[in-house]
Amino acid sequence: MRDQKAIDLNDEVALINDARTNPESFGLLYEKYVGRIYNYVYFKVGNHDDAEDLTAKVFFKALNNIGSYRHMGLPFSAWLYRIAHNLVANHHRDRSRVTEISIEDLELADPSRSAHPEALMVRKQDNAYLLELIKDLSPQKRDLIVLKFVQKLSNEEIGVVFGKTEGAIKSLYHRTLTELKEKASQYNHTRNL
């Protein structure tokens, strides 16, 4: 049994070395480990969409850094799990930052507008309402809103952060705005009853 494990590990090392120049070899590593890495990430984040995104980021990071991978006698999966662990930790840390958004962070109104007390109070109420709507979004959609309107990143830059194409970000942005519009409509409808 131990000899078979050593042979498998040797085959894996050869595959890793080949993956440095051959994307098909990396694809074989991906196929071998994607299920296990996804399950690990899903267990940590508890959300299918986030788990898929983070798993994709694990393999994207591994592919980009395969040249610096050094075999230390452990399976390749140990390196993948370390990458996954770090990404999940960052995910949770970023999520906690997003939930700490204040009304001032979302000051979307034009500061050159009138500084009359009534106008300022209405603007603060509108921002508090918007903040409540945003807090009800999924973590990814909250992140998108923060990156787009607070950090002022372009769709392309947000795509790099999320590991998605610019088109996927545009689609997510559209779905997010549609969801916010529906939530606002429901809120206004119940408020007017």
Protein backbone atom coordinates (compact mmCIF):
# COMPACT_ATOMS: atom_id res chain seq x y z
CA MET A 1 0.00 0.00 0.00
CA ARG A 2 2.77 2.44 0.92
CA ASP A 3 4.60 1.74 -2.38
CA GLN A 4 1.42 2.55 -4.33
CA LYS A 5 1.09 5.85 -2.46
CA ALA A 6 4.72 6.72 -3.30
CA ILE A 7 4.13 5.87 -6.95
CA ASP A 8 1.02 8.05 -7.03
CA LEU A 9 2.96 10.89 -5.42
CA ASN A 10 5.77 10.49 -7.95
CA ASP A 11 3.26 10.52 -10.79
CA GLU A 12 1.70 13.64 -9.30
CA VAL A 13 5.08 15.39 -9.07
CA ALA A 14 5.71 14.58 -12.75
CA LEU A 15 2.25 15.95 -13.60
CA ILE A 16 2.93 19.13 -11.63
CA ASN A 17 6.25 19.62 -13.39
CA ASP A 18 4.54 19.15 -16.75
CA ALA A 19 1.75 21.56 -15.71
CA ARG A 20 4.29 24.37 -15.53
CA THR A 21 4.35 24.43 -19.33
CA ASN A 22 1.32 22.35 -20.33
CA PRO A 23 -2.16 23.60 -19.39
CA GLU A 24 -3.66 20.17 -20.11
CA SER A 25 -1.63 18.70 -17.26
CA PHE A 26 -2.93 21.40 -14.94
CA GLY A 27 -6.42 20.45 -16.14
CA LEU A 28 -5.81 16.91 -14.90
CA LEU A 29 -4.79 18.27 -11.49
CA TYR A 30 -7.91 20.44 -11.51
CA GLU A 31 -10.15 17.46 -12.28
CA LYS A 32 -8.51 15.41 -9.56
CA TYR A 33 -8.96 18.00 -6.80
CA VAL A 34 -11.80 20.37 -7.71
CA GLY A 35 -14.47 18.35 -5.90
CA ARG A 36 -12.52 18.15 -2.65
CA ILE A 37 -11.52 21.81 -2.70
CA TYR A 38 -15.11 22.85 -3.47
CA ASN A 39 -16.44 20.76 -0.56
CA TYR A 40 -13.88 22.28 1.79
CA VAL A 41 -14.71 25.82 0.72
CA TYR A 42 -18.46 25.17 0.82
CA PHE A 43 -18.17 23.85 4.36
CA LYS A 44 -16.33 27.03 5.36
CA VAL A 45 -18.61 29.59 3.65
CA GLY A 46 -21.96 27.74 3.57
CA ASN A 47 -23.03 29.32 0.30
CA HIS A 48 -23.01 27.64 -3.12
CA ASP A 49 -22.25 30.79 -5.15
CA ASP A 50 -19.44 31.93 -2.87
CA ALA A 51 -18.01 28.41 -2.76
CA GLU A 52 -17.95 28.23 -6.56
CA ASP A 53 -16.31 31.63 -6.86
CA LEU A 54 -13.70 30.89 -4.20
CA THR A 55 -12.93 27.45 -5.67
CA ALA A 56 -12.36 29.03 -9.06
CA LYS A 57 -10.06 31.58 -7.43
CA VAL A 58 -8.08 28.78 -5.72
CA PHE A 59 -7.34 27.10 -9.04
CA PHE A 60 -6.71 30.40 -10.81
CA LYS A 61 -4.16 31.31 -8.14
CA ALA A 62 -2.61 27.84 -8.28
CA LEU A 63 -2.31 28.03 -12.07
CA ASN A 64 -0.71 31.48 -11.89
CA ASN A 65 1.77 30.31 -9.23
CA ILE A 66 2.49 26.76 -10.39
CA GLY A 67 5.99 27.88 -11.38
CA SER A 68 6.82 28.67 -7.76
CA TYR A 69 5.35 25.45 -6.33
CA ARG A 70 7.96 23.34 -4.55
CA HIS A 71 7.29 19.71 -3.78
CA MET A 72 7.88 19.08 -0.05
CA GLY A 73 6.82 15.43 0.09
CA LEU A 74 3.15 16.30 0.55
CA PRO A 75 0.37 15.87 -1.98
CA PHE A 76 -0.39 18.80 -4.28
CA SER A 77 -3.75 19.03 -2.52
CA ALA A 78 -2.02 20.37 0.63
CA TRP A 79 -0.91 23.42 -1.33
CA LEU A 80 -4.42 23.83 -2.79
CA TYR A 81 -5.99 23.61 0.66
CA ARG A 82 -3.59 26.26 1.95
CA ILE A 83 -4.58 28.57 -0.89
CA ALA A 84 -8.26 27.81 -0.21
CA HIS A 85 -7.84 28.46 3.49
CA ASN A 86 -6.26 31.86 2.85
CA LEU A 87 -8.93 32.85 0.35
CA VAL A 88 -11.73 31.77 2.71
CA ALA A 89 -10.14 33.75 5.55
CA ASN A 90 -9.92 36.81 3.30
CA HIS A 91 -13.51 36.22 2.21
CA HIS A 92 -14.77 36.24 5.81
CA ARG A 93 -12.64 39.25 6.71
CA ASP A 94 -13.89 41.19 3.68
CA ARG A 95 -17.47 40.21 4.46
CA SER A 96 -17.21 41.56 7.98
CA ARG A 97 -15.81 44.83 6.66
CA VAL A 98 -18.71 45.16 4.22
CA THR A 99 -21.30 44.77 6.96
CA GLU A 100 -19.65 47.64 8.82
CA ILE A 101 -20.50 50.14 6.09
CA SER A 102 -21.79 53.38 7.53
CA ILE A 103 -24.20 55.88 6.07
CA GLU A 104 -21.27 58.23 5.49
CA ASP A 105 -19.55 55.54 3.37
CA LEU A 106 -22.55 55.52 1.07
CA GLU A 107 -22.83 59.28 0.68
CA LEU A 108 -24.02 59.10 -2.91
CA ALA A 109 -25.63 62.51 -2.97
CA ASP A 110 -23.84 65.44 -4.54
CA PRO A 111 -22.06 67.34 -1.73
CA SER A 112 -22.49 70.61 -3.65
CA ARG A 113 -26.25 70.41 -3.10
CA SER A 114 -28.00 72.64 -0.64
CA ALA A 115 -26.82 72.40 2.96
CA HIS A 116 -30.23 73.29 4.42
CA PRO A 117 -30.97 71.22 7.53
CA GLU A 118 -34.13 69.77 5.99
CA ALA A 119 -32.26 68.67 2.87
CA LEU A 120 -29.47 67.13 4.97
CA MET A 121 -32.00 65.20 7.08
CA VAL A 122 -33.78 63.85 4.00
CA ARG A 123 -30.46 62.84 2.47
CA LYS A 124 -29.42 61.04 5.68
CA GLN A 125 -32.76 59.21 5.79
CA ASP A 126 -32.40 58.20 2.14
CA ASN A 127 -28.88 56.93 2.78
CA ALA A 128 -30.01 54.98 5.87
CA TYR A 129 -32.77 53.39 3.80
CA LEU A 130 -30.30 52.53 1.02
CA LEU A 131 -27.91 51.05 3.57
CA GLU A 132 -30.67 48.77 4.90
CA LEU A 133 -31.47 47.60 1.35
CA ILE A 134 -27.79 46.89 0.68
CA LYS A 135 -27.37 44.94 3.93
CA ASP A 136 -30.11 42.56 2.74
CA LEU A 137 -28.13 41.66 -0.42
CA SER A 138 -25.92 38.59 -0.73
CA PRO A 139 -22.28 39.15 0.30
CA GLN A 140 -21.15 39.15 -3.33
CA LYS A 141 -23.72 41.76 -4.33
CA ARG A 142 -22.81 43.89 -1.29
CA ASP A 143 -19.17 43.63 -2.32
CA LEU A 144 -20.11 44.69 -5.84
CA ILE A 145 -21.96 47.78 -4.59
CA VAL A 146 -19.05 48.77 -2.35
CA LEU A 147 -16.46 48.23 -5.08
CA LYS A 148 -18.56 50.09 -7.65
CA PHE A 149 -19.84 53.07 -5.65
CA VAL A 150 -17.55 53.42 -2.64
CA GLN A 151 -14.22 52.27 -4.12
CA LYS A 152 -15.20 53.58 -7.59
CA LEU A 153 -13.72 50.57 -9.45
CA SER A 154 -14.56 49.89 -13.08
CA ASN A 155 -16.35 46.71 -14.14
CA GLU A 156 -13.05 45.40 -15.47
CA GLU A 157 -11.30 46.03 -12.14
CA ILE A 158 -14.17 44.40 -10.23
CA GLY A 159 -13.88 41.44 -12.61
CA VAL A 160 -10.25 41.00 -11.56
CA VAL A 161 -11.22 41.16 -7.87
CA PHE A 162 -14.01 38.59 -8.34
CA GLY A 163 -12.11 36.49 -10.87
CA LYS A 164 -14.87 36.99 -13.44
CA THR A 165 -15.14 38.51 -16.86
CA GLU A 166 -16.25 42.08 -17.34
CA GLY A 167 -19.44 40.72 -18.93
CA ALA A 168 -20.17 38.61 -15.85
CA ILE A 169 -19.73 41.70 -13.68
CA LYS A 170 -22.12 43.69 -15.86
CA SER A 171 -24.66 40.89 -15.51
CA LEU A 172 -24.19 40.72 -11.73
CA TYR A 173 -24.47 44.52 -11.55
CA HIS A 174 -27.74 44.43 -13.51
CA ARG A 175 -29.17 41.67 -11.27
CA THR A 176 -28.09 43.60 -8.18
CA LEU A 177 -29.75 46.83 -9.30
CA THR A 178 -32.91 44.92 -10.27
CA GLU A 179 -33.01 43.31 -6.82
CA LEU A 180 -32.50 46.68 -5.12
CA LYS A 181 -35.26 48.20 -7.23
CA GLU A 182 -37.66 45.38 -6.30
CA LYS A 183 -36.80 45.70 -2.60
CA ALA A 184 -37.33 49.47 -2.76
CA SER A 185 -40.65 48.98 -4.52
CA GLN A 186 -41.82 46.47 -1.89
CA TYR A 187 -40.72 48.78 0.91
CA ASN A 188 -42.49 51.79 -0.60
CA HIS A 189 -45.62 49.72 -1.20
CA THR A 190 -45.79 48.52 2.41
CA ARG A 191 -44.98 52.02 3.68
CA ASN A 192 -47.90 53.50 1.72
CA LEU A 193 -50.44 50.98 3.04
